[in-house]
Amino acid sequence: MKKILLLSIAFLSFSCQQPKTAFVDISKLVDDYEEMKDVKSAFETKTASFTKRRDSVVQAYQLEEQDFRIKAQKMTRKQQEENYQLLAQKGQILGQQFQNEQQQIQLEGQQQIDSLVKKVKDFIKDYGKNNGYTYIYGSNQTGSVLYGKEENDITTTLLTELNKAYNKE
C-alpha cells in the first residue's frame, strides 16, 4: 500500500511540473548584439568606399566623354564611330565591373549576417540546454509570441551573455 501511495505522489508531482519556458525578442537580440553592430559597420564602410571609388571612376569617364565630344568635331565620321564604340565599350565594361563588385559586397555581407544569425541560434540552443529550459520561443515582428510574461523574457540576459562571449574573442 505504501508503494502505491508513494508512486501516486511521485506521479502527481511529476505531472504537475510545468516545462521551463522563455521567449526572446529576436530582433532586439540581433540588433543589439555587438558583433552584429561591428559586421554592419564594416559593411557600411566597405559600401561607402566602393561608392566613393565608383563615383570617382564615373566622373573620370564622364570627363573622357566630354573630351571625346570636343575632339569628335575634328574627326572624320569613321574616326568618330570607332572612338565612340571604344568609349561605349569602356563604359559597358566599367558598368559590369561595378555591378559585379557591388553584388560581391552584398553577398559577403549577407553571408556574414547569416553566419551570425546561426551563431545566435546555436547560442540560444546551448543556453536553453545548460539552463534547463524545455522551450525558448522566438518573438519577432510577425508575432510568433503574441504574449509572454515579462519575467519569461530572457532577451536581456542572452544579449549580455552573447556580448560577453564576443568580447572574449
N, C-alpha and C. Protein backbone atom coordinates (compact mmCIF):
# COMPACT_ATOMS: atom_id res chain seq x y z
N MET A 1 0.82 -1.18 0.00
CA MET A 1 0.00 0.00 0.00
C MET A 1 0.87 1.26 0.00
N LYS A 2 1.98 1.22 0.79
CA LYS A 2 2.88 2.36 0.84
C LYS A 2 3.49 2.63 -0.54
N LYS A 3 3.84 1.55 -1.26
CA LYS A 3 4.43 1.70 -2.58
C LYS A 3 3.45 2.39 -3.53
N ILE A 4 2.20 2.01 -3.48
CA ILE A 4 1.19 2.62 -4.34
C ILE A 4 1.03 4.09 -3.99
N LEU A 5 1.00 4.40 -2.72
CA LEU A 5 0.87 5.78 -2.27
C LEU A 5 2.08 6.61 -2.72
N LEU A 6 3.28 6.07 -2.55
CA LEU A 6 4.49 6.78 -2.96
C LEU A 6 4.53 6.98 -4.47
N LEU A 7 4.14 5.95 -5.20
CA LEU A 7 4.10 6.06 -6.66
C LEU A 7 3.07 7.10 -7.09
N SER A 8 1.95 7.15 -6.44
CA SER A 8 0.91 8.13 -6.76
C SER A 8 1.40 9.54 -6.49
N ILE A 9 2.07 9.75 -5.37
CA ILE A 9 2.61 11.08 -5.04
C ILE A 9 3.68 11.47 -6.05
N ALA A 10 4.56 10.54 -6.38
CA ALA A 10 5.62 10.82 -7.36
C ALA A 10 5.01 11.16 -8.71
N PHE A 11 4.01 10.42 -9.13
CA PHE A 11 3.35 10.67 -10.41
C PHE A 11 2.69 12.04 -10.42
N LEU A 12 1.98 12.36 -9.32
CA LEU A 12 1.31 13.66 -9.23
C LEU A 12 2.31 14.81 -9.25
N SER A 13 3.40 14.67 -8.53
CA SER A 13 4.38 15.76 -8.51
C SER A 13 5.06 15.89 -9.87
N PHE A 14 5.29 14.78 -10.55
CA PHE A 14 5.90 14.82 -11.88
C PHE A 14 4.94 15.44 -12.90
N SER A 15 3.68 15.05 -12.84
CA SER A 15 2.72 15.54 -13.81
C SER A 15 2.34 16.99 -13.58
N CYS A 16 2.57 17.51 -12.37
CA CYS A 16 2.24 18.91 -12.06
C CYS A 16 3.37 19.86 -12.44
N GLN A 17 4.54 19.34 -12.74
CA GLN A 17 5.66 20.20 -13.10
C GLN A 17 5.40 20.83 -14.47
N GLN A 18 5.59 22.12 -14.52
CA GLN A 18 5.44 22.84 -15.78
C GLN A 18 6.79 22.85 -16.50
N PRO A 19 6.77 22.75 -17.80
CA PRO A 19 8.05 22.87 -18.51
C PRO A 19 8.59 24.28 -18.36
N LYS A 20 9.89 24.39 -18.24
CA LYS A 20 10.53 25.71 -18.11
C LYS A 20 10.59 26.33 -19.50
N THR A 21 9.91 27.45 -19.67
CA THR A 21 9.88 28.11 -20.97
C THR A 21 10.26 29.57 -20.84
N ALA A 22 10.68 30.14 -21.94
CA ALA A 22 11.02 31.56 -22.00
C ALA A 22 10.86 32.00 -23.45
N PHE A 23 11.01 33.30 -23.65
CA PHE A 23 10.99 33.79 -25.02
C PHE A 23 12.06 34.87 -25.18
N VAL A 24 12.43 35.09 -26.42
CA VAL A 24 13.49 36.04 -26.76
C VAL A 24 12.99 36.93 -27.89
N ASP A 25 13.19 38.23 -27.75
CA ASP A 25 12.90 39.16 -28.83
C ASP A 25 14.09 39.08 -29.80
N ILE A 26 13.91 38.30 -30.85
CA ILE A 26 15.00 38.02 -31.78
C ILE A 26 15.52 39.30 -32.44
N SER A 27 14.62 40.19 -32.84
CA SER A 27 15.05 41.43 -33.49
C SER A 27 15.95 42.24 -32.58
N LYS A 28 15.54 42.41 -31.33
CA LYS A 28 16.34 43.18 -30.37
C LYS A 28 17.67 42.48 -30.11
N LEU A 29 17.62 41.18 -29.96
CA LEU A 29 18.83 40.42 -29.67
C LEU A 29 19.86 40.59 -30.79
N VAL A 30 19.41 40.44 -32.02
CA VAL A 30 20.33 40.53 -33.16
C VAL A 30 20.78 41.98 -33.37
N ASP A 31 19.86 42.94 -33.27
CA ASP A 31 20.22 44.34 -33.50
C ASP A 31 21.18 44.88 -32.45
N ASP A 32 21.04 44.45 -31.20
CA ASP A 32 21.87 44.98 -30.13
C ASP A 32 23.12 44.13 -29.84
N TYR A 33 23.29 43.06 -30.59
CA TYR A 33 24.46 42.20 -30.43
C TYR A 33 25.68 42.94 -30.98
N GLU A 34 26.71 43.08 -30.17
CA GLU A 34 27.89 43.87 -30.55
C GLU A 34 28.55 43.36 -31.83
N GLU A 35 28.64 42.07 -31.99
CA GLU A 35 29.28 41.53 -33.19
C GLU A 35 28.48 41.91 -34.43
N MET A 36 27.14 41.90 -34.33
CA MET A 36 26.30 42.30 -35.46
C MET A 36 26.53 43.77 -35.78
N LYS A 37 26.62 44.59 -34.74
CA LYS A 37 26.90 46.01 -34.96
C LYS A 37 28.23 46.19 -35.68
N ASP A 38 29.24 45.42 -35.28
CA ASP A 38 30.56 45.51 -35.92
C ASP A 38 30.50 45.06 -37.38
N VAL A 39 29.77 43.99 -37.65
CA VAL A 39 29.64 43.50 -39.02
C VAL A 39 28.91 44.53 -39.89
N LYS A 40 27.84 45.10 -39.36
CA LYS A 40 27.10 46.12 -40.11
C LYS A 40 27.97 47.35 -40.37
N SER A 41 28.74 47.74 -39.39
CA SER A 41 29.62 48.90 -39.54
C SER A 41 30.68 48.64 -40.61
N ALA A 42 31.26 47.46 -40.58
CA ALA A 42 32.27 47.09 -41.59
C ALA A 42 31.65 47.07 -42.99
N PHE A 43 30.42 46.57 -43.07
CA PHE A 43 29.71 46.53 -44.36
C PHE A 43 29.46 47.95 -44.87
N GLU A 44 29.02 48.82 -43.98
CA GLU A 44 28.76 50.21 -44.37
C GLU A 44 30.04 50.90 -44.82
N THR A 45 31.14 50.63 -44.13
CA THR A 45 32.43 51.21 -44.52
C THR A 45 32.86 50.71 -45.89
N LYS A 46 32.69 49.42 -46.10
CA LYS A 46 33.07 48.83 -47.39
C LYS A 46 32.19 49.38 -48.51
N THR A 47 30.91 49.53 -48.24
CA THR A 47 29.98 50.07 -49.23
C THR A 47 30.31 51.53 -49.55
N ALA A 48 30.61 52.30 -48.52
CA ALA A 48 30.96 53.72 -48.72
C ALA A 48 32.24 53.85 -49.54
N SER A 49 33.21 53.00 -49.26
CA SER A 49 34.47 53.01 -50.01
C SER A 49 34.22 52.67 -51.48
N PHE A 50 33.40 51.65 -51.70
CA PHE A 50 33.05 51.26 -53.06
C PHE A 50 32.34 52.41 -53.79
N THR A 51 31.39 53.03 -53.13
CA THR A 51 30.62 54.12 -53.74
C THR A 51 31.53 55.29 -54.10
N LYS A 52 32.45 55.61 -53.21
CA LYS A 52 33.38 56.71 -53.46
C LYS A 52 34.27 56.40 -54.67
N ARG A 53 34.79 55.19 -54.71
CA ARG A 53 35.65 54.78 -55.83
C ARG A 53 34.87 54.76 -57.13
N ARG A 54 33.64 54.20 -57.08
CA ARG A 54 32.81 54.15 -58.29
C ARG A 54 32.49 55.55 -58.80
N ASP A 55 32.11 56.43 -57.89
CA ASP A 55 31.78 57.81 -58.28
C ASP A 55 32.96 58.51 -58.91
N SER A 56 34.15 58.25 -58.39
CA SER A 56 35.37 58.85 -58.93
C SER A 56 35.63 58.35 -60.35
N VAL A 57 35.48 57.06 -60.57
CA VAL A 57 35.70 56.48 -61.89
C VAL A 57 34.63 56.97 -62.88
N VAL A 58 33.39 57.06 -62.43
CA VAL A 58 32.30 57.55 -63.28
C VAL A 58 32.56 59.00 -63.67
N GLN A 59 33.03 59.78 -62.75
CA GLN A 59 33.33 61.18 -63.04
C GLN A 59 34.45 61.27 -64.08
N ALA A 60 35.49 60.45 -63.94
CA ALA A 60 36.59 60.44 -64.92
C ALA A 60 36.08 60.00 -66.29
N TYR A 61 35.17 59.02 -66.28
CA TYR A 61 34.59 58.55 -67.55
C TYR A 61 33.77 59.67 -68.21
N GLN A 62 33.03 60.40 -67.41
CA GLN A 62 32.22 61.50 -67.95
C GLN A 62 33.11 62.59 -68.54
N LEU A 63 34.24 62.86 -67.91
CA LEU A 63 35.20 63.83 -68.45
C LEU A 63 35.78 63.34 -69.77
N GLU A 64 36.02 62.04 -69.82
CA GLU A 64 36.52 61.44 -71.06
C GLU A 64 35.48 61.56 -72.17
N GLU A 65 34.21 61.38 -71.84
CA GLU A 65 33.12 61.57 -72.82
C GLU A 65 33.07 63.00 -73.32
N GLN A 66 33.18 63.95 -72.41
CA GLN A 66 33.16 65.36 -72.80
C GLN A 66 34.34 65.68 -73.71
N ASP A 67 35.50 65.17 -73.36
CA ASP A 67 36.69 65.38 -74.17
C ASP A 67 36.49 64.79 -75.57
N PHE A 68 35.87 63.62 -75.63
CA PHE A 68 35.60 62.99 -76.93
C PHE A 68 34.68 63.87 -77.77
N ARG A 69 33.65 64.43 -77.17
CA ARG A 69 32.71 65.28 -77.91
C ARG A 69 33.41 66.50 -78.51
N ILE A 70 34.33 67.05 -77.76
CA ILE A 70 35.07 68.21 -78.27
C ILE A 70 35.99 67.79 -79.41
N LYS A 71 36.71 66.70 -79.22
CA LYS A 71 37.65 66.23 -80.25
C LYS A 71 36.94 65.65 -81.46
N ALA A 72 35.72 65.14 -81.26
CA ALA A 72 34.97 64.50 -82.35
C ALA A 72 34.68 65.47 -83.49
N GLN A 73 34.59 66.75 -83.17
CA GLN A 73 34.30 67.74 -84.21
C GLN A 73 35.41 67.81 -85.25
N LYS A 74 36.63 67.44 -84.86
CA LYS A 74 37.77 67.50 -85.78
C LYS A 74 38.08 66.14 -86.41
N MET A 75 37.25 65.14 -86.13
CA MET A 75 37.49 63.79 -86.64
C MET A 75 36.60 63.50 -87.84
N THR A 76 37.04 62.50 -88.60
CA THR A 76 36.20 62.03 -89.70
C THR A 76 35.07 61.21 -89.10
N ARG A 77 34.08 60.98 -89.91
CA ARG A 77 32.92 60.20 -89.46
C ARG A 77 33.36 58.81 -88.98
N LYS A 78 34.26 58.19 -89.71
CA LYS A 78 34.75 56.85 -89.36
C LYS A 78 35.50 56.88 -88.03
N GLN A 79 36.36 57.88 -87.81
CA GLN A 79 37.09 58.01 -86.56
C GLN A 79 36.13 58.24 -85.38
N GLN A 80 35.10 59.04 -85.64
CA GLN A 80 34.10 59.29 -84.60
C GLN A 80 33.43 57.99 -84.17
N GLU A 81 33.02 57.19 -85.16
CA GLU A 81 32.34 55.92 -84.87
C GLU A 81 33.25 54.96 -84.11
N GLU A 82 34.52 54.87 -84.56
CA GLU A 82 35.47 53.97 -83.90
C GLU A 82 35.71 54.40 -82.44
N ASN A 83 35.97 55.69 -82.26
CA ASN A 83 36.22 56.19 -80.91
C ASN A 83 34.97 56.08 -80.03
N TYR A 84 33.81 56.34 -80.63
CA TYR A 84 32.57 56.21 -79.85
C TYR A 84 32.35 54.76 -79.42
N GLN A 85 32.63 53.83 -80.31
CA GLN A 85 32.48 52.41 -79.96
C GLN A 85 33.42 52.03 -78.81
N LEU A 86 34.66 52.50 -78.89
CA LEU A 86 35.64 52.21 -77.82
C LEU A 86 35.17 52.80 -76.48
N LEU A 87 34.67 54.02 -76.54
CA LEU A 87 34.19 54.68 -75.33
C LEU A 87 32.97 53.97 -74.75
N ALA A 88 32.05 53.59 -75.64
CA ALA A 88 30.85 52.87 -75.19
C ALA A 88 31.22 51.52 -74.60
N GLN A 89 32.16 50.84 -75.23
CA GLN A 89 32.63 49.55 -74.74
C GLN A 89 33.27 49.70 -73.35
N LYS A 90 34.07 50.75 -73.19
CA LYS A 90 34.70 51.02 -71.89
C LYS A 90 33.64 51.27 -70.83
N GLY A 91 32.62 52.05 -71.17
CA GLY A 91 31.53 52.32 -70.24
C GLY A 91 30.80 51.05 -69.84
N GLN A 92 30.58 50.18 -70.81
CA GLN A 92 29.89 48.91 -70.54
C GLN A 92 30.72 48.02 -69.61
N ILE A 93 32.02 47.95 -69.87
CA ILE A 93 32.92 47.14 -69.04
C ILE A 93 32.95 47.68 -67.61
N LEU A 94 33.06 49.00 -67.47
CA LEU A 94 33.06 49.61 -66.14
C LEU A 94 31.75 49.32 -65.41
N GLY A 95 30.63 49.44 -66.11
CA GLY A 95 29.33 49.17 -65.51
C GLY A 95 29.22 47.73 -65.01
N GLN A 96 29.71 46.79 -65.81
CA GLN A 96 29.68 45.38 -65.41
C GLN A 96 30.59 45.12 -64.22
N GLN A 97 31.77 45.74 -64.23
CA GLN A 97 32.70 45.56 -63.11
C GLN A 97 32.09 46.08 -61.81
N PHE A 98 31.48 47.26 -61.89
CA PHE A 98 30.87 47.83 -60.70
C PHE A 98 29.70 47.00 -60.21
N GLN A 99 28.91 46.51 -61.14
CA GLN A 99 27.76 45.69 -60.76
C GLN A 99 28.23 44.40 -60.09
N ASN A 100 29.26 43.76 -60.66
CA ASN A 100 29.80 42.53 -60.07
C ASN A 100 30.38 42.78 -58.69
N GLU A 101 31.12 43.88 -58.54
CA GLU A 101 31.72 44.19 -57.25
C GLU A 101 30.65 44.49 -56.20
N GLN A 102 29.62 45.22 -56.60
CA GLN A 102 28.54 45.53 -55.67
C GLN A 102 27.81 44.26 -55.24
N GLN A 103 27.56 43.37 -56.19
CA GLN A 103 26.91 42.10 -55.85
C GLN A 103 27.79 41.28 -54.91
N GLN A 104 29.09 41.31 -55.12
CA GLN A 104 30.02 40.56 -54.27
C GLN A 104 30.00 41.12 -52.85
N ILE A 105 30.00 42.43 -52.72
CA ILE A 105 29.95 43.06 -51.40
C ILE A 105 28.65 42.67 -50.69
N GLN A 106 27.53 42.72 -51.41
CA GLN A 106 26.25 42.36 -50.82
C GLN A 106 26.21 40.89 -50.42
N LEU A 107 26.76 40.03 -51.26
CA LEU A 107 26.79 38.60 -50.96
C LEU A 107 27.63 38.32 -49.71
N GLU A 108 28.79 38.94 -49.63
CA GLU A 108 29.65 38.76 -48.45
C GLU A 108 28.94 39.25 -47.19
N GLY A 109 28.29 40.40 -47.30
CA GLY A 109 27.56 40.95 -46.15
C GLY A 109 26.45 40.02 -45.71
N GLN A 110 25.70 39.48 -46.66
CA GLN A 110 24.60 38.57 -46.33
C GLN A 110 25.12 37.28 -45.72
N GLN A 111 26.25 36.78 -46.24
CA GLN A 111 26.84 35.56 -45.68
C GLN A 111 27.28 35.78 -44.23
N GLN A 112 27.86 36.94 -43.95
CA GLN A 112 28.28 37.25 -42.59
C GLN A 112 27.07 37.34 -41.67
N ILE A 113 26.02 37.99 -42.13
CA ILE A 113 24.80 38.12 -41.31
C ILE A 113 24.18 36.75 -41.08
N ASP A 114 24.09 35.93 -42.13
CA ASP A 114 23.54 34.58 -41.98
C ASP A 114 24.36 33.77 -40.98
N SER A 115 25.67 33.90 -41.04
CA SER A 115 26.55 33.19 -40.12
C SER A 115 26.31 33.65 -38.68
N LEU A 116 26.12 34.95 -38.49
CA LEU A 116 25.86 35.47 -37.15
C LEU A 116 24.50 35.02 -36.62
N VAL A 117 23.51 34.99 -37.48
CA VAL A 117 22.18 34.53 -37.06
C VAL A 117 22.25 33.08 -36.62
N LYS A 118 22.99 32.27 -37.37
CA LYS A 118 23.18 30.87 -36.98
C LYS A 118 23.92 30.78 -35.64
N LYS A 119 24.92 31.62 -35.46
CA LYS A 119 25.68 31.64 -34.21
C LYS A 119 24.77 32.00 -33.04
N VAL A 120 23.88 32.97 -33.24
CA VAL A 120 22.95 33.38 -32.18
C VAL A 120 21.98 32.24 -31.87
N LYS A 121 21.46 31.59 -32.91
CA LYS A 121 20.54 30.47 -32.69
C LYS A 121 21.22 29.34 -31.92
N ASP A 122 22.46 29.03 -32.30
CA ASP A 122 23.21 27.98 -31.60
C ASP A 122 23.46 28.38 -30.14
N PHE A 123 23.75 29.65 -29.92
CA PHE A 123 23.98 30.14 -28.57
C PHE A 123 22.71 29.98 -27.73
N ILE A 124 21.56 30.35 -28.30
CA ILE A 124 20.29 30.21 -27.59
C ILE A 124 20.02 28.75 -27.26
N LYS A 125 20.27 27.88 -28.23
CA LYS A 125 20.06 26.45 -28.02
C LYS A 125 20.93 25.93 -26.87
N ASP A 126 22.20 26.29 -26.87
CA ASP A 126 23.10 25.87 -25.80
C ASP A 126 22.68 26.46 -24.46
N TYR A 127 22.28 27.73 -24.49
CA TYR A 127 21.83 28.39 -23.26
C TYR A 127 20.61 27.67 -22.68
N GLY A 128 19.69 27.31 -23.56
CA GLY A 128 18.50 26.59 -23.12
C GLY A 128 18.84 25.25 -22.50
N LYS A 129 19.71 24.50 -23.15
CA LYS A 129 20.12 23.19 -22.62
C LYS A 129 20.82 23.34 -21.27
N ASN A 130 21.74 24.29 -21.20
CA ASN A 130 22.55 24.47 -19.99
C ASN A 130 21.77 25.05 -18.82
N ASN A 131 20.63 25.66 -19.10
CA ASN A 131 19.85 26.30 -18.03
C ASN A 131 18.50 25.64 -17.81
N GLY A 132 18.32 24.44 -18.32
CA GLY A 132 17.14 23.64 -18.02
C GLY A 132 15.84 24.08 -18.68
N TYR A 133 15.91 24.76 -19.79
CA TYR A 133 14.69 25.16 -20.48
C TYR A 133 14.17 24.03 -21.34
N THR A 134 12.86 23.88 -21.34
CA THR A 134 12.21 22.93 -22.24
C THR A 134 12.01 23.58 -23.60
N TYR A 135 11.60 24.85 -23.56
CA TYR A 135 11.38 25.63 -24.78
C TYR A 135 11.88 27.05 -24.59
N ILE A 136 12.47 27.60 -25.64
CA ILE A 136 12.72 29.04 -25.72
C ILE A 136 12.12 29.48 -27.05
N TYR A 137 11.12 30.32 -26.95
CA TYR A 137 10.42 30.78 -28.14
C TYR A 137 11.05 32.07 -28.65
N GLY A 138 10.94 32.27 -29.94
CA GLY A 138 11.44 33.50 -30.54
C GLY A 138 10.29 34.45 -30.81
N SER A 139 10.42 35.65 -30.32
CA SER A 139 9.42 36.69 -30.57
C SER A 139 9.97 37.61 -31.66
N ASN A 140 9.10 37.95 -32.59
CA ASN A 140 9.53 38.87 -33.64
C ASN A 140 8.34 39.68 -34.13
N GLN A 141 8.56 40.47 -35.15
CA GLN A 141 7.52 41.38 -35.63
C GLN A 141 6.34 40.65 -36.27
N THR A 142 6.54 39.43 -36.72
CA THR A 142 5.44 38.70 -37.33
C THR A 142 4.54 38.04 -36.29
N GLY A 143 4.96 38.07 -35.04
CA GLY A 143 4.08 37.64 -33.96
C GLY A 143 4.14 36.19 -33.57
N SER A 144 5.31 35.56 -33.58
CA SER A 144 5.38 34.17 -33.17
C SER A 144 5.06 34.00 -31.67
N VAL A 145 5.38 35.00 -30.85
CA VAL A 145 4.95 35.03 -29.46
C VAL A 145 4.10 36.29 -29.31
N LEU A 146 2.80 36.08 -29.18
CA LEU A 146 1.90 37.22 -29.10
C LEU A 146 1.82 37.79 -27.69
N TYR A 147 2.06 36.94 -26.71
CA TYR A 147 2.07 37.40 -25.33
C TYR A 147 3.03 36.52 -24.54
N GLY A 148 3.74 37.15 -23.64
CA GLY A 148 4.59 36.42 -22.72
C GLY A 148 4.78 37.25 -21.47
N LYS A 149 4.79 36.58 -20.35
CA LYS A 149 5.04 37.29 -19.10
C LYS A 149 6.44 37.89 -19.15
N GLU A 150 6.54 39.09 -18.64
CA GLU A 150 7.81 39.80 -18.69
C GLU A 150 8.94 39.01 -18.05
N GLU A 151 8.64 38.29 -16.98
CA GLU A 151 9.69 37.52 -16.29
C GLU A 151 10.18 36.34 -17.14
N ASN A 152 9.45 36.00 -18.19
CA ASN A 152 9.89 34.93 -19.09
C ASN A 152 10.67 35.45 -20.28
N ASP A 153 10.85 36.76 -20.36
CA ASP A 153 11.62 37.37 -21.44
C ASP A 153 13.09 37.35 -21.04
N ILE A 154 13.89 36.54 -21.72
CA ILE A 154 15.31 36.41 -21.39
C ILE A 154 16.19 37.12 -22.41
N THR A 155 15.60 38.03 -23.17
CA THR A 155 16.36 38.74 -24.21
C THR A 155 17.57 39.45 -23.63
N THR A 156 17.37 40.22 -22.57
CA THR A 156 18.47 41.00 -21.98
C THR A 156 19.55 40.07 -21.44
N THR A 157 19.15 39.00 -20.80
CA THR A 157 20.12 38.04 -20.26
C THR A 157 20.95 37.44 -21.38
N LEU A 158 20.28 36.99 -22.44
CA LEU A 158 21.01 36.40 -23.56
C LEU A 158 21.91 37.42 -24.25
N LEU A 159 21.42 38.63 -24.40
CA LEU A 159 22.22 39.69 -25.04
C LEU A 159 23.49 39.94 -24.24
N THR A 160 23.35 40.02 -22.93
CA THR A 160 24.52 40.21 -22.06
C THR A 160 25.51 39.07 -22.23
N GLU A 161 25.01 37.84 -22.23
CA GLU A 161 25.89 36.67 -22.37
C GLU A 161 26.54 36.62 -23.75
N LEU A 162 25.78 36.93 -24.79
CA LEU A 162 26.34 36.94 -26.14
C LEU A 162 27.45 37.98 -26.25
N ASN A 163 27.20 39.18 -25.75
CA ASN A 163 28.20 40.23 -25.84
C ASN A 163 29.45 39.92 -25.01
N LYS A 164 29.25 39.25 -23.86
CA LYS A 164 30.41 38.81 -23.05
C LYS A 164 31.24 37.82 -23.85
N ALA A 165 30.58 36.87 -24.48
CA ALA A 165 31.28 35.84 -25.26
C ALA A 165 32.01 36.48 -26.45
N TYR A 166 31.39 37.46 -27.08
CA TYR A 166 32.00 38.12 -28.23
C TYR A 166 33.22 38.93 -27.80
N ASN A 167 33.10 39.63 -26.68
CA ASN A 167 34.21 40.47 -26.21
C ASN A 167 35.40 39.65 -25.75
N LYS A 168 35.18 38.36 -25.41
CA LYS A 168 36.29 37.48 -25.02
C LYS A 168 37.09 37.04 -26.24
N GLU A 169 36.45 37.03 -27.41
CA GLU A 169 37.10 36.50 -28.62
C GLU A 169 38.27 37.33 -29.03
